[in-house]
């Protein structure tokens, strides 16, 4: 619980940025490539912020990096597979 309290502003900032990005992707009629670019920027932000947090806490490992990158890739691939007809 102490770690959550010490990172609460970081989590709030991350959730706001991700929510705004996903709202843009879902509600504005962008082309597929514009949506994919926005999603890629959001996912890079997610990975970067997660790795910074773990580096500050000195608990970063190879497994943590693989986890963040894997989650980002799964989300990107799901987006592509769902929108394959728009490519």
PDB file of N, CA and C in Angstrom:
ATOM      1  N   UNK A   1       0.822  -1.200   0.000  1.00  0.00           N
ATOM      2  CA  UNK A   1       0.000   0.000   0.000  1.00  0.00           C
ATOM      3  C   UNK A   1       0.864   1.261   0.000  1.00  0.00           C
ATOM      4  N   UNK A   2       2.031   1.176   0.642  1.00  0.00           N
ATOM      5  CA  UNK A   2       2.904   2.343   0.712  1.00  0.00           C
ATOM      6  C   UNK A   2       3.396   2.752  -0.681  1.00  0.00           C
ATOM      7  N   UNK A   3       3.694   1.756  -1.545  1.00  0.00           N
ATOM      8  CA  UNK A   3       4.162   2.084  -2.890  1.00  0.00           C
ATOM      9  C   UNK A   3       3.073   2.777  -3.708  1.00  0.00           C
ATOM     10  N   UNK A   4       1.831   2.339  -3.532  1.00  0.00           N
ATOM     11  CA  UNK A   4       0.735   2.972  -4.263  1.00  0.00           C
ATOM     12  C   UNK A   4       0.590   4.426  -3.832  1.00  0.00           C
ATOM     13  N   UNK A   5       0.673   4.686  -2.553  1.00  0.00           N
ATOM     14  CA  UNK A   5       0.546   6.052  -2.058  1.00  0.00           C
ATOM     15  C   UNK A   5       1.700   6.926  -2.528  1.00  0.00           C
ATOM     16  N   UNK A   6       2.891   6.357  -2.626  1.00  0.00           N
ATOM     17  CA  UNK A   6       4.034   7.166  -3.047  1.00  0.00           C
ATOM     18  C   UNK A   6       4.006   7.458  -4.546  1.00  0.00           C
ATOM     19  N   UNK A   7       3.225   6.706  -5.307  1.00  0.00           N
ATOM     20  CA  UNK A   7       3.159   6.894  -6.757  1.00  0.00           C
ATOM     21  C   UNK A   7       1.783   7.354  -7.228  1.00  0.00           C
ATOM     22  N   UNK A   8       0.947   7.805  -6.343  1.00  0.00           N
ATOM     23  CA  UNK A   8      -0.432   8.123  -6.710  1.00  0.00           C
ATOM     24  C   UNK A   8      -0.514   9.206  -7.793  1.00  0.00           C
ATOM     25  N   UNK A   9       0.320  10.232  -7.721  1.00  0.00           N
ATOM     26  CA  UNK A   9       0.278  11.286  -8.747  1.00  0.00           C
ATOM     27  C   UNK A   9       0.719  10.745 -10.104  1.00  0.00           C
ATOM     28  N   UNK A  10       1.705   9.870 -10.096  1.00  0.00           N
ATOM     29  CA  UNK A  10       2.153   9.257 -11.343  1.00  0.00           C
ATOM     30  C   UNK A  10       1.045   8.413 -11.961  1.00  0.00           C
ATOM     31  N   UNK A  11       0.342   7.641 -11.147  1.00  0.00           N
ATOM     32  CA  UNK A  11      -0.754   6.811 -11.637  1.00  0.00           C
ATOM     33  C   UNK A  11      -1.903   7.666 -12.170  1.00  0.00           C
ATOM     34  N   UNK A  12      -2.236   8.728 -11.466  1.00  0.00           N
ATOM     35  CA  UNK A  12      -3.308   9.626 -11.925  1.00  0.00           C
ATOM     36  C   UNK A  12      -2.931  10.263 -13.252  1.00  0.00           C
ATOM     37  N   UNK A  13      -1.698  10.748 -13.369  1.00  0.00           N
ATOM     38  CA  UNK A  13      -1.214  11.349 -14.608  1.00  0.00           C
ATOM     39  C   UNK A  13      -1.274  10.345 -15.757  1.00  0.00           C
ATOM     40  N   UNK A  14      -0.829   9.119 -15.500  1.00  0.00           N
ATOM     41  CA  UNK A  14      -0.838   8.084 -16.525  1.00  0.00           C
ATOM     42  C   UNK A  14      -2.265   7.757 -16.961  1.00  0.00           C
ATOM     43  N   UNK A  15      -3.182   7.624 -16.021  1.00  0.00           N
ATOM     44  CA  UNK A  15      -4.568   7.303 -16.358  1.00  0.00           C
ATOM     45  C   UNK A  15      -5.232   8.418 -17.151  1.00  0.00           C
ATOM     46  N   UNK A  16      -4.949   9.661 -16.809  1.00  0.00           N
ATOM     47  CA  UNK A  16      -5.531  10.795 -17.543  1.00  0.00           C
ATOM     48  C   UNK A  16      -5.032  10.807 -18.985  1.00  0.00           C
ATOM     49  N   UNK A  17      -3.727  10.649 -19.180  1.00  0.00           N
ATOM     50  CA  UNK A  17      -3.163  10.662 -20.533  1.00  0.00           C
ATOM     51  C   UNK A  17      -3.716   9.497 -21.356  1.00  0.00           C
ATOM     52  N   UNK A  18      -3.743   8.306 -20.774  1.00  0.00           N
ATOM     53  CA  UNK A  18      -4.251   7.136 -21.499  1.00  0.00           C
ATOM     54  C   UNK A  18      -5.741   7.277 -21.809  1.00  0.00           C
ATOM     55  N   UNK A  19      -6.514   7.792 -20.867  1.00  0.00           N
ATOM     56  CA  UNK A  19      -7.951   7.968 -21.091  1.00  0.00           C
ATOM     57  C   UNK A  19      -8.213   8.973 -22.213  1.00  0.00           C
ATOM     58  N   UNK A  20      -7.511  10.081 -22.203  1.00  0.00           N
ATOM     59  CA  UNK A  20      -7.685  11.091 -23.254  1.00  0.00           C
ATOM     60  C   UNK A  20      -7.313  10.502 -24.619  1.00  0.00           C
ATOM     61  N   UNK A  21      -6.231   9.756 -24.670  1.00  0.00           N
ATOM     62  CA  UNK A  21      -5.815   9.140 -25.934  1.00  0.00           C
ATOM     63  C   UNK A  21      -6.828   8.141 -26.450  1.00  0.00           C
ATOM     64  N   UNK A  22      -7.337   7.271 -25.567  1.00  0.00           N
ATOM     65  CA  UNK A  22      -8.315   6.286 -26.004  1.00  0.00           C
ATOM     66  C   UNK A  22      -9.634   6.948 -26.388  1.00  0.00           C
ATOM     67  N   UNK A  23     -10.011   8.020 -25.715  1.00  0.00           N
ATOM     68  CA  UNK A  23     -11.225   8.751 -26.088  1.00  0.00           C
ATOM     69  C   UNK A  23     -11.059   9.361 -27.480  1.00  0.00           C
ATOM     70  N   UNK A  24      -9.869   9.908 -27.760  1.00  0.00           N
ATOM     71  CA  UNK A  24      -9.610  10.442 -29.101  1.00  0.00           C
ATOM     72  C   UNK A  24      -9.738   9.354 -30.160  1.00  0.00           C
ATOM     73  N   UNK A  25      -9.137   8.200 -29.892  1.00  0.00           N
ATOM     74  CA  UNK A  25      -9.166   7.113 -30.866  1.00  0.00           C
ATOM     75  C   UNK A  25     -10.596   6.633 -31.099  1.00  0.00           C
ATOM     76  N   UNK A  26     -11.382   6.520 -30.045  1.00  0.00           N
ATOM     77  CA  UNK A  26     -12.724   5.950 -30.165  1.00  0.00           C
ATOM     78  C   UNK A  26     -13.778   6.914 -30.678  1.00  0.00           C
ATOM     79  N   UNK A  27     -13.643   8.202 -30.371  1.00  0.00           N
ATOM     80  CA  UNK A  27     -14.737   9.140 -30.651  1.00  0.00           C
ATOM     81  C   UNK A  27     -14.525  10.058 -31.841  1.00  0.00           C
ATOM     82  N   UNK A  28     -13.308  10.191 -32.307  1.00  0.00           N
ATOM     83  CA  UNK A  28     -13.056  11.080 -33.442  1.00  0.00           C
ATOM     84  C   UNK A  28     -12.766  10.214 -34.658  1.00  0.00           C
ATOM     85  N   UNK A  29     -13.327  10.584 -35.782  1.00  0.00           N
ATOM     86  CA  UNK A  29     -13.219   9.784 -36.994  1.00  0.00           C
ATOM     87  C   UNK A  29     -11.899  10.067 -37.710  1.00  0.00           C
ATOM     88  N   UNK A  30     -10.814   9.513 -37.158  1.00  0.00           N
ATOM     89  CA  UNK A  30      -9.507   9.619 -37.790  1.00  0.00           C
ATOM     90  C   UNK A  30      -9.337   8.457 -38.767  1.00  0.00           C
ATOM     91  N   UNK A  31      -8.352   8.591 -39.650  1.00  0.00           N
ATOM     92  CA  UNK A  31      -8.005   7.458 -40.507  1.00  0.00           C
ATOM     93  C   UNK A  31      -7.358   6.380 -39.640  1.00  0.00           C
ATOM     94  N   UNK A  32      -7.262   5.175 -40.194  1.00  0.00           N
ATOM     95  CA  UNK A  32      -6.656   4.075 -39.451  1.00  0.00           C
ATOM     96  C   UNK A  32      -5.236   4.418 -39.026  1.00  0.00           C
ATOM     97  N   UNK A  33      -4.462   4.984 -39.939  1.00  0.00           N
ATOM     98  CA  UNK A  33      -3.043   5.248 -39.635  1.00  0.00           C
ATOM     99  C   UNK A  33      -2.885   6.338 -38.592  1.00  0.00           C
ATOM    100  N   UNK A  34      -3.768   7.311 -38.571  1.00  0.00           N
ATOM    101  CA  UNK A  34      -3.721   8.339 -37.525  1.00  0.00           C
ATOM    102  C   UNK A  34      -4.059   7.722 -36.178  1.00  0.00           C
ATOM    103  N   UNK A  35      -5.068   6.866 -36.146  1.00  0.00           N
ATOM    104  CA  UNK A  35      -5.410   6.190 -34.905  1.00  0.00           C
ATOM    105  C   UNK A  35      -4.269   5.286 -34.441  1.00  0.00           C
ATOM    106  N   UNK A  36      -3.648   4.589 -35.370  1.00  0.00           N
ATOM    107  CA  UNK A  36      -2.534   3.705 -35.023  1.00  0.00           C
ATOM    108  C   UNK A  36      -1.352   4.513 -34.494  1.00  0.00           C
ATOM    109  N   UNK A  37      -1.099   5.687 -35.065  1.00  0.00           N
ATOM    110  CA  UNK A  37      -0.030   6.549 -34.589  1.00  0.00           C
ATOM    111  C   UNK A  37      -0.312   7.025 -33.165  1.00  0.00           C
ATOM    112  N   UNK A  38      -1.549   7.445 -32.901  1.00  0.00           N
ATOM    113  CA  UNK A  38      -1.928   7.877 -31.551  1.00  0.00           C
ATOM    114  C   UNK A  38      -1.777   6.727 -30.567  1.00  0.00           C
ATOM    115  N   UNK A  39      -2.250   5.544 -30.961  1.00  0.00           N
ATOM    116  CA  UNK A  39      -2.130   4.369 -30.100  1.00  0.00           C
ATOM    117  C   UNK A  39      -0.669   4.019 -29.841  1.00  0.00           C
ATOM    118  N   UNK A  40       0.170   4.089 -30.862  1.00  0.00           N
ATOM    119  CA  UNK A  40       1.585   3.800 -30.694  1.00  0.00           C
ATOM    120  C   UNK A  40       2.228   4.791 -29.726  1.00  0.00           C
ATOM    121  N   UNK A  41       1.891   6.056 -29.846  1.00  0.00           N
ATOM    122  CA  UNK A  41       2.425   7.062 -28.908  1.00  0.00           C
ATOM    123  C   UNK A  41       1.962   6.777 -27.487  1.00  0.00           C
ATOM    124  N   UNK A  42       0.696   6.412 -27.318  1.00  0.00           N
ATOM    125  CA  UNK A  42       0.171   6.082 -25.993  1.00  0.00           C
ATOM    126  C   UNK A  42       0.886   4.869 -25.406  1.00  0.00           C
ATOM    127  N   UNK A  43       1.103   3.854 -26.214  1.00  0.00           N
ATOM    128  CA  UNK A  43       1.755   2.645 -25.722  1.00  0.00           C
ATOM    129  C   UNK A  43       3.228   2.887 -25.403  1.00  0.00           C
ATOM    130  N   UNK A  44       3.902   3.702 -26.199  1.00  0.00           N
ATOM    131  CA  UNK A  44       5.284   4.063 -25.874  1.00  0.00           C
ATOM    132  C   UNK A  44       5.345   4.854 -24.570  1.00  0.00           C
ATOM    133  N   UNK A  45       4.384   5.738 -24.375  1.00  0.00           N
ATOM    134  CA  UNK A  45       4.293   6.487 -23.131  1.00  0.00           C
ATOM    135  C   UNK A  45       4.085   5.544 -21.954  1.00  0.00           C
ATOM    136  N   UNK A  46       3.196   4.565 -22.116  1.00  0.00           N
ATOM    137  CA  UNK A  46       2.918   3.579 -21.076  1.00  0.00           C
ATOM    138  C   UNK A  46       4.183   2.799 -20.705  1.00  0.00           C
ATOM    139  N   UNK A  47       4.897   2.320 -21.699  1.00  0.00           N
ATOM    140  CA  UNK A  47       6.121   1.554 -21.453  1.00  0.00           C
ATOM    141  C   UNK A  47       7.172   2.440 -20.798  1.00  0.00           C
ATOM    142  N   UNK A  48       7.375   3.633 -21.337  1.00  0.00           N
ATOM    143  CA  UNK A  48       8.382   4.558 -20.822  1.00  0.00           C
ATOM    144  C   UNK A  48       8.096   4.933 -19.365  1.00  0.00           C
ATOM    145  N   UNK A  49       6.852   5.266 -19.059  1.00  0.00           N
ATOM    146  CA  UNK A  49       6.503   5.661 -17.697  1.00  0.00           C
ATOM    147  C   UNK A  49       6.645   4.495 -16.719  1.00  0.00           C
ATOM    148  N   UNK A  50       6.256   3.305 -17.150  1.00  0.00           N
ATOM    149  CA  UNK A  50       6.405   2.132 -16.301  1.00  0.00           C
ATOM    150  C   UNK A  50       7.858   1.812 -16.012  1.00  0.00           C
ATOM    151  N   UNK A  51       8.694   1.911 -17.020  1.00  0.00           N
ATOM    152  CA  UNK A  51      10.111   1.627 -16.819  1.00  0.00           C
ATOM    153  C   UNK A  51      10.781   2.692 -15.945  1.00  0.00           C
ATOM    154  N   UNK A  52      10.355   3.932 -16.088  1.00  0.00           N
ATOM    155  CA  UNK A  52      10.897   4.985 -15.221  1.00  0.00           C
ATOM    156  C   UNK A  52      10.518   4.717 -13.764  1.00  0.00           C
ATOM    157  N   UNK A  53       9.274   4.342 -13.530  1.00  0.00           N
ATOM    158  CA  UNK A  53       8.834   4.076 -12.162  1.00  0.00           C
ATOM    159  C   UNK A  53       9.621   2.925 -11.546  1.00  0.00           C
ATOM    160  N   UNK A  54       9.794   1.855 -12.301  1.00  0.00           N
ATOM    161  CA  UNK A  54      10.528   0.714 -11.768  1.00  0.00           C
ATOM    162  C   UNK A  54      12.013   1.033 -11.585  1.00  0.00           C
ATOM    163  N   UNK A  55      12.563   1.866 -12.442  1.00  0.00           N
ATOM    164  CA  UNK A  55      13.958   2.276 -12.281  1.00  0.00           C
ATOM    165  C   UNK A  55      14.123   3.118 -11.020  1.00  0.00           C
ATOM    166  N   UNK A  56      13.186   4.020 -10.760  1.00  0.00           N
ATOM    167  CA  UNK A  56      13.253   4.837  -9.539  1.00  0.00           C
ATOM    168  C   UNK A  56      13.149   4.004  -8.286  1.00  0.00           C
ATOM    169  N   UNK A  57      12.354   2.932  -8.334  1.00  0.00           N
ATOM    170  CA  UNK A  57      12.181   2.057  -7.170  1.00  0.00           C
ATOM    171  C   UNK A  57      13.273   0.991  -7.068  1.00  0.00           C
ATOM    172  N   UNK A  58      14.167   0.964  -8.045  1.00  0.00           N
ATOM    173  CA  UNK A  58      15.268  -0.005  -8.083  1.00  0.00           C
ATOM    174  C   UNK A  58      14.770  -1.443  -8.108  1.00  0.00           C
ATOM    175  N   UNK A  59      13.641  -1.693  -8.743  1.00  0.00           N
ATOM    176  CA  UNK A  59      13.146  -3.059  -8.876  1.00  0.00           C
ATOM    177  C   UNK A  59      12.915  -3.442 -10.335  1.00  0.00           C
ATOM    178  N   UNK A  60      13.665  -2.795 -11.234  1.00  0.00           N
ATOM    179  CA  UNK A  60      13.530  -3.116 -12.650  1.00  0.00           C
ATOM    180  C   UNK A  60      14.331  -4.386 -12.944  1.00  0.00           C
ATOM    181  N   UNK A  61      13.760  -5.204 -13.792  1.00  0.00           N
ATOM    182  CA  UNK A  61      14.436  -6.423 -14.215  1.00  0.00           C
ATOM    183  C   UNK A  61      14.062  -6.708 -15.661  1.00  0.00           C
ATOM    184  N   UNK A  62      14.700  -7.687 -16.200  1.00  0.00           N
ATOM    185  CA  UNK A  62      14.416  -8.104 -17.566  1.00  0.00           C
ATOM    186  C   UNK A  62      12.951  -8.507 -17.712  1.00  0.00           C
ATOM    187  N   UNK A  63      12.413  -9.174 -16.713  1.00  0.00           N
ATOM    188  CA  UNK A  63      11.020  -9.624 -16.746  1.00  0.00           C
ATOM    189  C   UNK A  63      10.047  -8.441 -16.778  1.00  0.00           C
ATOM    190  N   UNK A  64      10.357  -7.380 -16.053  1.00  0.00           N
ATOM    191  CA  UNK A  64       9.495  -6.190 -16.036  1.00  0.00           C
ATOM    192  C   UNK A  64       9.473  -5.548 -17.421  1.00  0.00           C
ATOM    193  N   UNK A  65      10.621  -5.432 -18.052  1.00  0.00           N
ATOM    194  CA  UNK A  65      10.698  -4.836 -19.392  1.00  0.00           C
ATOM    195  C   UNK A  65       9.896  -5.679 -20.381  1.00  0.00           C
ATOM    196  N   UNK A  66      10.076  -6.999 -20.335  1.00  0.00           N
ATOM    197  CA  UNK A  66       9.341  -7.895 -21.228  1.00  0.00           C
ATOM    198  C   UNK A  66       7.836  -7.771 -20.990  1.00  0.00           C
ATOM    199  N   UNK A  67       7.425  -7.653 -19.741  1.00  0.00           N
ATOM    200  CA  UNK A  67       6.000  -7.531 -19.427  1.00  0.00           C
ATOM    201  C   UNK A  67       5.399  -6.269 -20.030  1.00  0.00           C
ATOM    202  N   UNK A  68       6.049  -5.127 -19.833  1.00  0.00           N
ATOM    203  CA  UNK A  68       5.518  -3.866 -20.371  1.00  0.00           C
ATOM    204  C   UNK A  68       5.477  -3.888 -21.899  1.00  0.00           C
ATOM    205  N   UNK A  69       6.529  -4.375 -22.521  1.00  0.00           N
ATOM    206  CA  UNK A  69       6.571  -4.420 -23.984  1.00  0.00           C
ATOM    207  C   UNK A  69       5.535  -5.410 -24.510  1.00  0.00           C
ATOM    208  N   UNK A  70       5.365  -6.548 -23.841  1.00  0.00           N
ATOM    209  CA  UNK A  70       4.387  -7.550 -24.272  1.00  0.00           C
ATOM    210  C   UNK A  70       2.962  -7.009 -24.205  1.00  0.00           C
ATOM    211  N   UNK A  71       2.632  -6.329 -23.134  1.00  0.00           N
ATOM    212  CA  UNK A  71       1.289  -5.751 -23.006  1.00  0.00           C
ATOM    213  C   UNK A  71       1.049  -4.722 -24.100  1.00  0.00           C
ATOM    214  N   UNK A  72       2.036  -3.885 -24.373  1.00  0.00           N
ATOM    215  CA  UNK A  72       1.896  -2.880 -25.429  1.00  0.00           C
ATOM    216  C   UNK A  72       1.715  -3.548 -26.798  1.00  0.00           C
ATOM    217  N   UNK A  73       2.481  -4.591 -27.068  1.00  0.00           N
ATOM    218  CA  UNK A  73       2.354  -5.287 -28.350  1.00  0.00           C
ATOM    219  C   UNK A  73       1.008  -5.987 -28.489  1.00  0.00           C
ATOM    220  N   UNK A  74       0.518  -6.579 -27.422  1.00  0.00           N
ATOM    221  CA  UNK A  74      -0.794  -7.235 -27.469  1.00  0.00           C
ATOM    222  C   UNK A  74      -1.887  -6.224 -27.783  1.00  0.00           C
ATOM    223  N   UNK A  75      -1.845  -5.065 -27.144  1.00  0.00           N
ATOM    224  CA  UNK A  75      -2.848  -4.028 -27.404  1.00  0.00           C
ATOM    225  C   UNK A  75      -2.755  -3.543 -28.846  1.00  0.00           C
ATOM    226  N   UNK A  76      -1.539  -3.320 -29.349  1.00  0.00           N
ATOM    227  CA  UNK A  76      -1.364  -2.861 -30.730  1.00  0.00           C
ATOM    228  C   UNK A  76      -1.865  -3.914 -31.720  1.00  0.00           C
ATOM    229  N   UNK A  77      -1.543  -5.181 -31.481  1.00  0.00           N
ATOM    230  CA  UNK A  77      -1.996  -6.246 -32.374  1.00  0.00           C
ATOM    231  C   UNK A  77      -3.516  -6.404 -32.340  1.00  0.00           C
ATOM    232  N   UNK A  78      -4.120  -6.290 -31.166  1.00  0.00           N
ATOM    233  CA  UNK A  78      -5.580  -6.344 -31.080  1.00  0.00           C
ATOM    234  C   UNK A  78      -6.216  -5.222 -31.891  1.00  0.00           C
ATOM    235  N   UNK A  79      -5.641  -4.041 -31.800  1.00  0.00           N
ATOM    236  CA  UNK A  79      -6.155  -2.905 -32.564  1.00  0.00           C
ATOM    237  C   UNK A  79      -6.071  -3.192 -34.063  1.00  0.00           C
ATOM    238  N   UNK A  80      -4.940  -3.719 -34.512  1.00  0.00           N
ATOM    239  CA  UNK A  80      -4.768  -4.019 -35.931  1.00  0.00           C
ATOM    240  C   UNK A  80      -5.735  -5.113 -36.369  1.00  0.00           C
ATOM    241  N   UNK A  81      -5.864  -6.194 -35.590  1.00  0.00           N
ATOM    242  CA  UNK A  81      -6.755  -7.281 -35.970  1.00  0.00           C
ATOM    243  C   UNK A  81      -8.216  -6.851 -35.987  1.00  0.00           C
ATOM    244  N   UNK A  82      -8.606  -6.005 -35.059  1.00  0.00           N
ATOM    245  CA  UNK A  82      -9.986  -5.517 -35.041  1.00  0.00           C
ATOM    246  C   UNK A  82     -10.267  -4.610 -36.239  1.00  0.00           C
ATOM    247  N   UNK A  83      -9.269  -3.880 -36.679  1.00  0.00           N
ATOM    248  CA  UNK A  83      -9.461  -2.911 -37.760  1.00  0.00           C
ATOM    249  C   UNK A  83      -8.826  -3.355 -39.071  1.00  0.00           C
ATOM    250  N   UNK A  84      -8.621  -4.633 -39.261  1.00  0.00           N
ATOM    251  CA  UNK A  84      -7.943  -5.119 -40.458  1.00  0.00           C
ATOM    252  C   UNK A  84      -8.688  -4.730 -41.737  1.00  0.00           C
ATOM    253  N   UNK A  85      -9.971  -4.568 -41.695  1.00  0.00           N
ATOM    254  CA  UNK A  85     -10.732  -4.190 -42.886  1.00  0.00           C
ATOM    255  C   UNK A  85     -10.492  -2.735 -43.280  1.00  0.00           C
ATOM    256  N   UNK A  86      -9.958  -1.930 -42.390  1.00  0.00           N
ATOM    257  CA  UNK A  86      -9.723  -0.505 -42.672  1.00  0.00           C
ATOM    258  C   UNK A  86      -8.335  -0.235 -43.228  1.00  0.00           C
ATOM    259  N   UNK A  87      -7.461  -1.230 -43.232  1.00  0.00           N
ATOM    260  CA  UNK A  87      -6.075  -1.009 -43.686  1.00  0.00           C
ATOM    261  C   UNK A  87      -6.050  -0.874 -45.194  1.00  0.00           C
TER     262      UNK A  87
END
